[in-house]
């Protein structure tokens, strides 16, 4: 790694030493920071100018707020993802836009802004916020204008190359997830014997199934299908502060499309008695009926009570729990089609009970479950490796940006 000939103390702990000929200045000496504005009164369906939020363009407006080169910085919510933009645009009121001042190159300032320690400045933990005062007083490194251009060009190229590799890995993860889903669906609807005689199931999402398999409502697989309740959250006597104590109480947020081995919250004996909590046994299948996790599935690794958003199919001798778990992973799309409601759709217990499913003999259920355990573990391992690669690349990209804009690495 090439470095500069001579360094000096920047006087800023997180920056450390900088090249001797560089300056350390406050951000207000390089960017004129202004507030974004609400766009709803000028929103249009088509055409117009891009409306930009923390995630990029998401709407169009009949007017533009600014025309030129800017660094976009979060004011509320997502504050740690600066953006660079050039042209005519409107930016929302939860964002700032910074206009480069004389002798300051916009793209370089964008890369500098990616090194801001936002967690040190955030003023609200529930809704992270940044103030103009904090941004204006933040210290940055400022080399000559020519070096700023050179550094920006170098980082543009390097980051673009890293992003291409990250994009490839993300595409690979999507393909692996699709392969996992199709592997599950094929196994639970067609079985493992490709030579078996097939019949029409009469169910659209299932298609043809082995001739000797049964097609039935899911309510016939389990003698008990039920839900739960939420003890009054304002009653502190109902909930345990110590996670090691109390009784398991499952929420849909605990579902992970896999084996459930813990719950975020636990309830007291008082809650169990006064709220008449019902406990479901190990091996039971849980399905999220509404909320952000709608359609998610889990298999219980312990006895637990549940909240009202969980539908539970209790374990019985008629079924192999792991097979039913995979069956409902495959049926998720069909369940979501049956969901009702607009802003927050939900799957009722009745919809789950009426869902048509296929049920092979117990021996085949076990064989399919064993096969899928192995195949899904292999695919999950590949997905995990790809995600780890993405994480490492993102860490490397951030480290590279920091090294270059603070002068630890010479690129010009």
Protein backbone atom coordinates (compact mmCIF):
# COMPACT_ATOMS: atom_id res chain seq x y z
CA UNK A 1 0.00 0.00 0.00
CA UNK A 2 1.43 3.37 -1.05
CA UNK A 3 1.48 6.16 1.55
CA UNK A 4 2.36 9.87 1.59
CA UNK A 5 5.90 11.04 2.43
CA UNK A 6 5.06 13.15 5.44
CA UNK A 7 2.16 13.16 7.94
CA UNK A 8 0.89 15.39 10.74
CA UNK A 9 -1.56 15.01 13.60
CA UNK A 10 -5.06 15.98 12.44
CA UNK A 11 -6.16 16.90 15.96
CA UNK A 12 -9.21 14.69 15.51
CA UNK A 13 -9.09 11.32 17.29
CA UNK A 14 -11.08 9.29 14.75
CA UNK A 15 -9.09 10.72 11.81
CA UNK A 16 -5.60 10.34 13.27
CA UNK A 17 -2.65 11.45 11.16
CA UNK A 18 -3.16 13.01 7.73
CA UNK A 19 -0.84 13.96 4.88
CA UNK A 20 1.19 17.03 5.84
CA UNK A 21 -0.21 19.26 3.07
CA UNK A 22 -3.87 18.38 3.76
CA UNK A 23 -6.24 20.47 5.87
CA UNK A 24 -8.88 19.50 8.41
CA UNK A 25 -11.99 21.67 8.10
CA UNK A 26 -15.56 21.62 9.36
CA UNK A 27 -18.13 20.29 6.91
CA UNK A 28 -19.77 23.74 6.69
CA UNK A 29 -16.62 25.01 4.95
CA UNK A 30 -17.15 22.51 2.15
CA UNK A 31 -20.94 22.04 1.95
CA UNK A 32 -23.84 24.45 2.29
CA UNK A 33 -26.41 22.23 3.98
CA UNK A 34 -30.10 22.91 3.35
CA UNK A 35 -33.36 21.23 4.38
CA UNK A 36 -35.44 19.10 2.05
CA UNK A 37 -39.20 19.79 1.75
CA UNK A 38 -42.49 17.92 1.68
CA UNK A 39 -43.39 16.92 -1.87
CA UNK A 40 -46.99 15.69 -1.55
CA UNK A 41 -48.68 18.84 -2.89
CA UNK A 42 -46.65 18.65 -6.10
CA UNK A 43 -46.54 14.86 -6.58
CA UNK A 44 -47.34 13.55 -10.06
CA UNK A 45 -47.93 10.01 -11.34
CA UNK A 46 -45.76 10.23 -14.44
CA UNK A 47 -43.00 12.47 -15.76
CA UNK A 48 -41.75 15.28 -13.59
CA UNK A 49 -38.64 15.37 -11.46
CA UNK A 50 -37.30 12.61 -9.18
CA UNK A 51 -38.24 12.79 -5.51
CA UNK A 52 -35.36 11.38 -3.48
CA UNK A 53 -35.40 9.83 -0.02
CA UNK A 54 -32.82 7.84 1.90
CA UNK A 55 -33.31 4.85 -0.40
CA UNK A 56 -33.03 6.87 -3.61
CA UNK A 57 -35.77 7.95 -6.02
CA UNK A 58 -39.27 6.78 -5.05
CA UNK A 59 -41.71 9.31 -6.54
CA UNK A 60 -42.05 12.15 -9.06
CA UNK A 61 -42.83 15.86 -8.58
CA UNK A 62 -44.01 18.65 -10.89
CA UNK A 63 -41.28 20.98 -9.57
CA UNK A 64 -37.63 20.61 -8.63
CA UNK A 65 -36.02 21.88 -5.45
CA UNK A 66 -32.48 22.24 -6.79
CA UNK A 67 -30.54 21.77 -10.00
CA UNK A 68 -26.90 20.76 -9.64
CA UNK A 69 -24.44 18.59 -7.81
CA UNK A 70 -25.30 17.67 -4.19
CA UNK A 71 -24.54 15.31 -1.33
CA UNK A 72 -27.77 14.03 0.24
CA UNK A 73 -27.71 13.35 3.99
CA UNK A 74 -30.34 11.82 6.22
CA UNK A 75 -32.05 14.05 8.78
CA UNK A 76 -34.45 11.51 10.34
CA UNK A 77 -34.78 7.75 10.10
CA UNK A 78 -32.07 6.36 7.84
CA UNK A 79 -29.25 8.80 8.57
CA UNK A 80 -26.20 6.68 7.76
CA UNK A 81 -26.60 6.25 3.99
CA UNK A 82 -25.42 9.41 2.19
CA UNK A 83 -26.24 9.72 -1.51
CA UNK A 84 -24.69 11.62 -4.41
CA UNK A 85 -26.89 13.26 -7.03
CA UNK A 86 -26.42 15.61 -9.96
CA UNK A 87 -29.26 17.25 -11.88
CA UNK A 88 -32.77 18.52 -11.18
CA UNK A 89 -34.47 16.88 -8.19
CA UNK A 90 -36.72 17.24 -5.17
CA UNK A 91 -35.58 15.86 -1.82
CA UNK A 92 -37.93 14.94 1.04
CA UNK A 93 -38.12 16.78 4.35
CA UNK A 94 -36.40 13.95 6.23
CA UNK A 95 -33.23 14.68 4.26
CA UNK A 96 -30.65 17.45 3.93
CA UNK A 97 -28.98 18.36 0.67
CA UNK A 98 -25.45 19.74 0.70
CA UNK A 99 -24.22 22.04 -2.07
CA UNK A 100 -20.43 21.92 -2.62
CA UNK A 101 -18.66 25.23 -2.01
CA UNK A 102 -15.75 26.66 -4.00
CA UNK A 103 -12.66 24.42 -4.27
CA UNK A 104 -14.68 21.42 -3.11
CA UNK A 105 -15.43 18.49 -5.41
CA UNK A 106 -18.91 17.02 -4.81
CA UNK A 107 -18.08 13.37 -5.38
CA UNK A 108 -15.13 13.60 -3.01
CA UNK A 109 -17.37 15.12 -0.32
CA UNK A 110 -19.82 12.27 -0.87
CA UNK A 111 -17.09 9.73 -0.09
CA UNK A 112 -16.06 11.82 2.92
CA UNK A 113 -19.66 11.78 4.18
CA UNK A 114 -19.63 7.99 4.12
CA UNK A 115 -17.07 8.06 6.93
CA UNK A 116 -19.14 10.23 9.29
CA UNK A 117 -19.62 8.36 12.62
CA UNK A 118 -23.39 8.88 12.59
CA UNK A 119 -23.95 6.84 15.75
CA UNK A 120 -22.01 9.46 17.73
CA UNK A 121 -24.27 12.25 16.55
CA UNK A 122 -27.71 10.61 16.50
CA UNK A 123 -30.07 12.52 18.83
CA UNK A 124 -32.89 9.98 19.14
CA UNK A 125 -32.51 6.22 19.55
CA UNK A 126 -36.14 5.44 18.66
CA UNK A 127 -35.93 7.49 15.44
CA UNK A 128 -32.29 8.29 14.65
CA UNK A 129 -31.88 11.99 13.86
CA UNK A 130 -29.14 14.36 12.72
CA UNK A 131 -29.01 18.11 13.17
CA UNK A 132 -27.54 20.71 10.84
CA UNK A 133 -25.42 21.94 13.75
CA UNK A 134 -23.75 18.54 14.20
CA UNK A 135 -23.21 18.09 10.48
CA UNK A 136 -21.82 21.58 10.04
CA UNK A 137 -19.32 21.12 12.87
CA UNK A 138 -18.18 17.65 11.76
CA UNK A 139 -14.49 17.59 10.78
CA UNK A 140 -13.33 16.26 7.42
CA UNK A 141 -10.03 16.00 5.55
CA UNK A 142 -9.59 18.38 2.64
CA UNK A 143 -6.75 17.89 0.16
CA UNK A 144 -6.20 20.04 -2.92
CA UNK A 145 -8.99 20.22 -5.50
CA UNK A 146 -6.96 18.14 -7.97
CA UNK A 147 -6.41 15.44 -5.33
CA UNK A 148 -10.12 15.48 -4.47
CA UNK A 149 -10.93 14.76 -8.12
CA UNK A 150 -8.31 12.03 -8.31
CA UNK A 151 -9.49 10.37 -5.08
CA UNK A 152 -13.13 10.50 -6.17
CA UNK A 153 -12.26 8.95 -9.55
CA UNK A 154 -10.25 6.17 -7.87
CA UNK A 155 -12.96 5.35 -5.35
CA UNK A 156 -15.68 5.50 -8.00
CA UNK A 157 -13.91 2.84 -10.01
CA UNK A 158 -12.92 0.66 -7.04
CA UNK A 159 -16.35 0.80 -5.39
CA UNK A 160 -18.07 0.04 -8.71
CA UNK A 161 -15.95 -3.09 -9.10
CA UNK A 162 -16.72 -4.21 -5.53
CA UNK A 163 -20.43 -3.51 -6.06
CA UNK A 164 -20.41 -5.72 -9.18
CA UNK A 165 -19.10 -8.64 -7.13
CA UNK A 166 -21.65 -7.93 -4.38
CA UNK A 167 -24.43 -7.83 -7.00
CA UNK A 168 -23.27 -11.19 -8.37
CA UNK A 169 -23.37 -12.71 -4.89
CA UNK A 170 -26.84 -11.28 -4.24
CA UNK A 171 -28.08 -12.78 -7.51
CA UNK A 172 -26.57 -16.09 -6.45
CA UNK A 173 -28.41 -15.93 -3.13
CA UNK A 174 -31.70 -15.26 -4.95
CA UNK A 175 -31.13 -18.26 -7.22
CA UNK A 176 -30.24 -20.47 -4.25
CA UNK A 177 -33.36 -19.36 -2.40
CA UNK A 178 -35.48 -20.09 -5.48
CA UNK A 179 -33.83 -23.51 -5.79
CA UNK A 180 -34.53 -24.21 -2.12
CA UNK A 181 -38.19 -23.28 -2.51
CA UNK A 182 -38.63 -25.37 -5.67
CA UNK A 183 -36.83 -28.33 -4.05
CA UNK A 184 -39.21 -28.18 -1.07
CA UNK A 185 -42.32 -27.82 -3.25
CA UNK A 186 -41.37 -30.68 -5.55
CA UNK A 187 -40.58 -33.03 -2.67
CA UNK A 188 -43.76 -32.37 -0.66
CA UNK A 189 -46.07 -32.58 -3.69
CA UNK A 190 -44.38 -35.20 -5.88
CA UNK A 191 -42.37 -37.28 -3.43
CA UNK A 192 -38.94 -38.81 -3.96
CA UNK A 193 -39.85 -41.59 -6.41
CA UNK A 194 -39.86 -40.26 -9.98
CA UNK A 195 -41.36 -43.52 -11.31
CA UNK A 196 -44.49 -43.57 -9.17
CA UNK A 197 -47.89 -43.31 -10.90
CA UNK A 198 -49.40 -39.83 -10.57
CA UNK A 199 -52.93 -38.40 -10.36
CA UNK A 200 -54.45 -34.94 -10.52
CA UNK A 201 -54.80 -33.55 -6.99
CA UNK A 202 -57.57 -31.18 -8.03
CA UNK A 203 -55.69 -28.40 -6.22
CA UNK A 204 -54.06 -25.68 -8.33
CA UNK A 205 -51.01 -25.02 -6.17
CA UNK A 206 -50.28 -28.72 -5.79
CA UNK A 207 -50.83 -30.13 -9.29
CA UNK A 208 -50.23 -33.85 -9.80
CA UNK A 209 -49.37 -36.06 -6.82
CA UNK A 210 -48.51 -39.75 -6.34
CA UNK A 211 -51.63 -41.82 -6.84
CA UNK A 212 -51.55 -43.38 -3.36
CA UNK A 213 -51.27 -40.04 -1.53
CA UNK A 214 -54.30 -38.47 0.16
CA UNK A 215 -55.59 -34.97 -0.52
CA UNK A 216 -57.39 -33.39 2.43
CA UNK A 217 -58.04 -30.18 4.33
CA UNK A 218 -55.22 -29.32 6.70
CA UNK A 219 -57.72 -29.43 9.60
CA UNK A 220 -57.81 -33.23 9.21
CA UNK A 221 -54.06 -33.52 9.82
CA UNK A 222 -54.22 -32.21 13.36
CA UNK A 223 -56.74 -32.82 16.13
CA UNK A 224 -56.07 -29.34 17.54
CA UNK A 225 -55.61 -26.14 15.58
CA UNK A 226 -55.67 -23.03 17.71
CA UNK A 227 -54.14 -19.72 18.61
CA UNK A 228 -53.34 -17.75 21.75
CA UNK A 229 -53.58 -14.38 23.43
CA UNK A 230 -51.49 -11.45 24.63
CA UNK A 231 -51.48 -10.75 28.37
CA UNK A 232 -52.04 -7.05 29.14
CA UNK A 233 -48.74 -5.39 28.20
CA UNK A 234 -49.34 -2.63 30.75
CA UNK A 235 -49.29 -5.16 33.59
CA UNK A 236 -45.64 -5.57 34.55
CA UNK A 237 -46.53 -8.57 36.71
CA UNK A 238 -47.30 -10.53 33.55
CA UNK A 239 -43.86 -10.31 31.94
CA UNK A 240 -40.43 -11.46 33.10
CA UNK A 241 -37.51 -9.06 33.06
CA UNK A 242 -35.03 -11.94 33.27
CA UNK A 243 -35.00 -14.00 30.07
CA UNK A 244 -33.87 -17.05 32.03
CA UNK A 245 -37.05 -17.11 34.08
CA UNK A 246 -40.75 -17.55 33.38
CA UNK A 247 -42.73 -19.37 30.70
CA UNK A 248 -42.21 -19.26 26.95
CA UNK A 249 -44.60 -16.97 25.08
CA UNK A 250 -44.26 -16.92 21.29
CA UNK A 251 -44.93 -13.96 18.99
CA UNK A 252 -44.91 -14.03 15.20
CA UNK A 253 -41.65 -12.08 15.28
CA UNK A 254 -40.04 -15.20 16.78
CA UNK A 255 -40.83 -17.22 13.63
CA UNK A 256 -37.83 -17.85 11.40
CA UNK A 257 -39.00 -20.39 8.80
CA UNK A 258 -37.12 -22.98 10.82
CA UNK A 259 -36.82 -24.58 14.23
CA UNK A 260 -37.82 -22.18 17.01
CA UNK A 261 -35.47 -22.49 19.97
CA UNK A 262 -36.24 -19.32 21.94
CA UNK A 263 -38.81 -16.56 22.46
CA UNK A 264 -38.08 -12.86 22.77
CA UNK A 265 -40.40 -12.53 25.77
CA UNK A 266 -41.39 -14.75 28.67
CA UNK A 267 -44.45 -14.49 30.89
CA UNK A 268 -45.00 -15.10 34.60
CA UNK A 269 -47.03 -17.79 36.33
CA UNK A 270 -49.53 -15.07 37.20
CA UNK A 271 -50.06 -14.35 33.49
CA UNK A 272 -50.46 -18.05 32.74
CA UNK A 273 -53.17 -18.44 35.38
CA UNK A 274 -55.06 -15.18 35.05
CA UNK A 275 -55.01 -15.11 31.24
CA UNK A 276 -55.67 -18.86 30.86
CA UNK A 277 -52.72 -19.29 28.50
CA UNK A 278 -52.76 -22.44 26.42
CA UNK A 279 -49.47 -24.26 25.85
CA UNK A 280 -48.57 -26.09 22.66
CA UNK A 281 -46.10 -28.97 22.62
CA UNK A 282 -42.73 -29.50 20.97
CA UNK A 283 -43.11 -30.40 17.30
CA UNK A 284 -46.22 -28.29 16.73
CA UNK A 285 -46.29 -26.11 13.59
CA UNK A 286 -46.81 -22.35 13.93
CA UNK A 287 -47.97 -20.03 11.11
CA UNK A 288 -48.06 -16.22 11.28
CA UNK A 289 -51.56 -15.04 10.38
CA UNK A 290 -50.92 -11.30 9.98
CA UNK A 291 -48.44 -8.49 10.35
CA UNK A 292 -45.01 -8.09 8.79
CA UNK A 293 -44.30 -11.81 9.21
CA UNK A 294 -47.55 -13.07 7.60
CA UNK A 295 -47.10 -16.56 6.18
CA UNK A 296 -43.90 -17.30 8.08
CA UNK A 297 -43.68 -20.81 9.52
CA UNK A 298 -41.90 -22.36 12.47
CA UNK A 299 -41.65 -25.71 14.21
CA UNK A 300 -41.60 -25.63 18.00
CA UNK A 301 -38.48 -26.85 19.73
CA UNK A 302 -40.14 -26.49 23.16
CA UNK A 303 -43.53 -26.14 24.82
CA UNK A 304 -44.90 -22.61 24.62
CA UNK A 305 -47.91 -20.32 24.75
CA UNK A 306 -48.48 -18.05 21.73
CA UNK A 307 -50.07 -14.71 20.89
CA UNK A 308 -53.24 -14.22 18.86
CA UNK A 309 -51.37 -13.73 15.58
CA UNK A 310 -50.09 -17.31 15.65
CA UNK A 311 -52.01 -20.29 14.31
CA UNK A 312 -50.74 -23.57 15.76
CA UNK A 313 -51.24 -27.08 14.37
CA UNK A 314 -50.55 -29.38 17.28
CA UNK A 315 -48.34 -32.40 16.79
CA UNK A 316 -50.25 -35.69 16.34
CA UNK A 317 -49.47 -39.30 15.47
CA UNK A 318 -51.00 -38.82 12.02
CA UNK A 319 -48.20 -36.63 10.76
CA UNK A 320 -44.45 -36.15 10.81
CA UNK A 321 -44.05 -32.59 12.06
CA UNK A 322 -41.06 -31.79 9.89
CA UNK A 323 -42.94 -32.86 6.76
CA UNK A 324 -45.87 -30.59 7.66
CA UNK A 325 -43.42 -27.78 8.32
CA UNK A 326 -42.01 -28.11 4.79
CA UNK A 327 -45.54 -28.50 3.43
CA UNK A 328 -46.57 -25.11 4.82
CA UNK A 329 -43.35 -23.49 3.60
CA UNK A 330 -44.44 -24.64 0.14
CA UNK A 331 -48.05 -23.50 0.65
CA UNK A 332 -47.17 -19.93 1.71
CA UNK A 333 -48.00 -18.35 -1.65
CA UNK A 334 -51.38 -20.09 -1.76
CA UNK A 335 -52.14 -18.89 1.77
CA UNK A 336 -51.18 -15.31 0.95
CA UNK A 337 -53.51 -15.33 -2.06
CA UNK A 338 -56.32 -16.20 0.37
CA UNK A 339 -55.34 -13.39 2.78
CA UNK A 340 -57.95 -10.71 3.40
CA UNK A 341 -57.58 -7.05 4.26
CA UNK A 342 -55.91 -4.07 2.63
CA UNK A 343 -53.25 -2.23 4.64
CA UNK A 344 -52.57 -5.21 6.86
CA UNK A 345 -53.79 -8.44 5.22
CA UNK A 346 -54.37 -11.46 7.42
CA UNK A 347 -54.78 -15.20 7.11
CA UNK A 348 -57.55 -16.49 9.33
CA UNK A 349 -57.51 -19.81 11.12
CA UNK A 350 -60.43 -20.78 8.89
CA UNK A 351 -58.32 -20.21 5.76
CA UNK A 352 -55.56 -22.38 7.19
CA UNK A 353 -57.99 -25.13 8.21
CA UNK A 354 -59.57 -25.19 4.74
CA UNK A 355 -56.26 -25.26 2.88
CA UNK A 356 -56.05 -28.39 0.73
CA UNK A 357 -52.84 -30.33 1.30
CA UNK A 358 -51.35 -33.69 0.35
CA UNK A 359 -50.56 -36.32 2.96
CA UNK A 360 -48.31 -39.27 2.06
CA UNK A 361 -47.98 -42.38 4.27
CA UNK A 362 -45.97 -41.76 7.45
CA UNK A 363 -42.91 -43.59 6.12
CA UNK A 364 -42.77 -41.32 3.07
CA UNK A 365 -43.37 -38.22 5.19
CA UNK A 366 -40.32 -39.13 7.23
CA UNK A 367 -38.22 -39.90 4.15
CA UNK A 368 -39.16 -36.57 2.54
CA UNK A 369 -38.44 -34.67 5.76
CA UNK A 370 -35.03 -36.34 6.09
CA UNK A 371 -34.21 -35.63 2.44
CA UNK A 372 -35.23 -31.96 2.74
CA UNK A 373 -33.33 -31.51 5.98
CA UNK A 374 -30.17 -32.50 4.15
CA UNK A 375 -30.82 -30.59 0.92
CA UNK A 376 -31.93 -27.41 2.70
CA UNK A 377 -28.92 -27.53 5.01
CA UNK A 378 -26.63 -27.70 1.96
CA UNK A 379 -28.40 -24.80 0.26
CA UNK A 380 -28.51 -22.74 3.47
CA UNK A 381 -24.77 -23.28 3.86
CA UNK A 382 -24.18 -21.98 0.33
CA UNK A 383 -26.44 -18.99 1.00
CA UNK A 384 -24.60 -18.29 4.25
CA UNK A 385 -21.23 -18.37 2.49
CA UNK A 386 -22.46 -15.96 -0.19
CA UNK A 387 -23.85 -13.60 2.45
CA UNK A 388 -20.57 -13.73 4.37
CA UNK A 389 -18.77 -12.82 1.16
CA UNK A 390 -21.09 -9.82 0.76
CA UNK A 391 -20.50 -8.73 4.36
CA UNK A 392 -16.73 -8.96 3.93
CA UNK A 393 -16.83 -7.01 0.66
CA UNK A 394 -18.94 -4.27 2.25
CA UNK A 395 -16.53 -4.06 5.18
CA UNK A 396 -13.58 -3.89 2.79
CA UNK A 397 -15.27 -1.16 0.71
CA UNK A 398 -15.93 0.96 3.79
CA UNK A 399 -12.38 0.45 5.05
CA UNK A 400 -10.99 1.39 1.64
CA UNK A 401 -13.03 4.60 1.50
CA UNK A 402 -11.93 5.56 5.02
CA UNK A 403 -8.25 4.86 4.31
CA UNK A 404 -8.26 6.89 1.12
CA UNK A 405 -10.22 9.97 2.27
CA UNK A 406 -8.17 10.25 5.45
CA UNK A 407 -4.88 9.93 3.59
CA UNK A 408 -3.76 6.59 5.01
CA UNK A 409 -3.53 5.24 1.47
CA UNK A 410 -2.11 7.29 -1.41
CA UNK A 411 -3.87 6.81 -4.75
CA UNK A 412 -2.82 9.94 -6.68
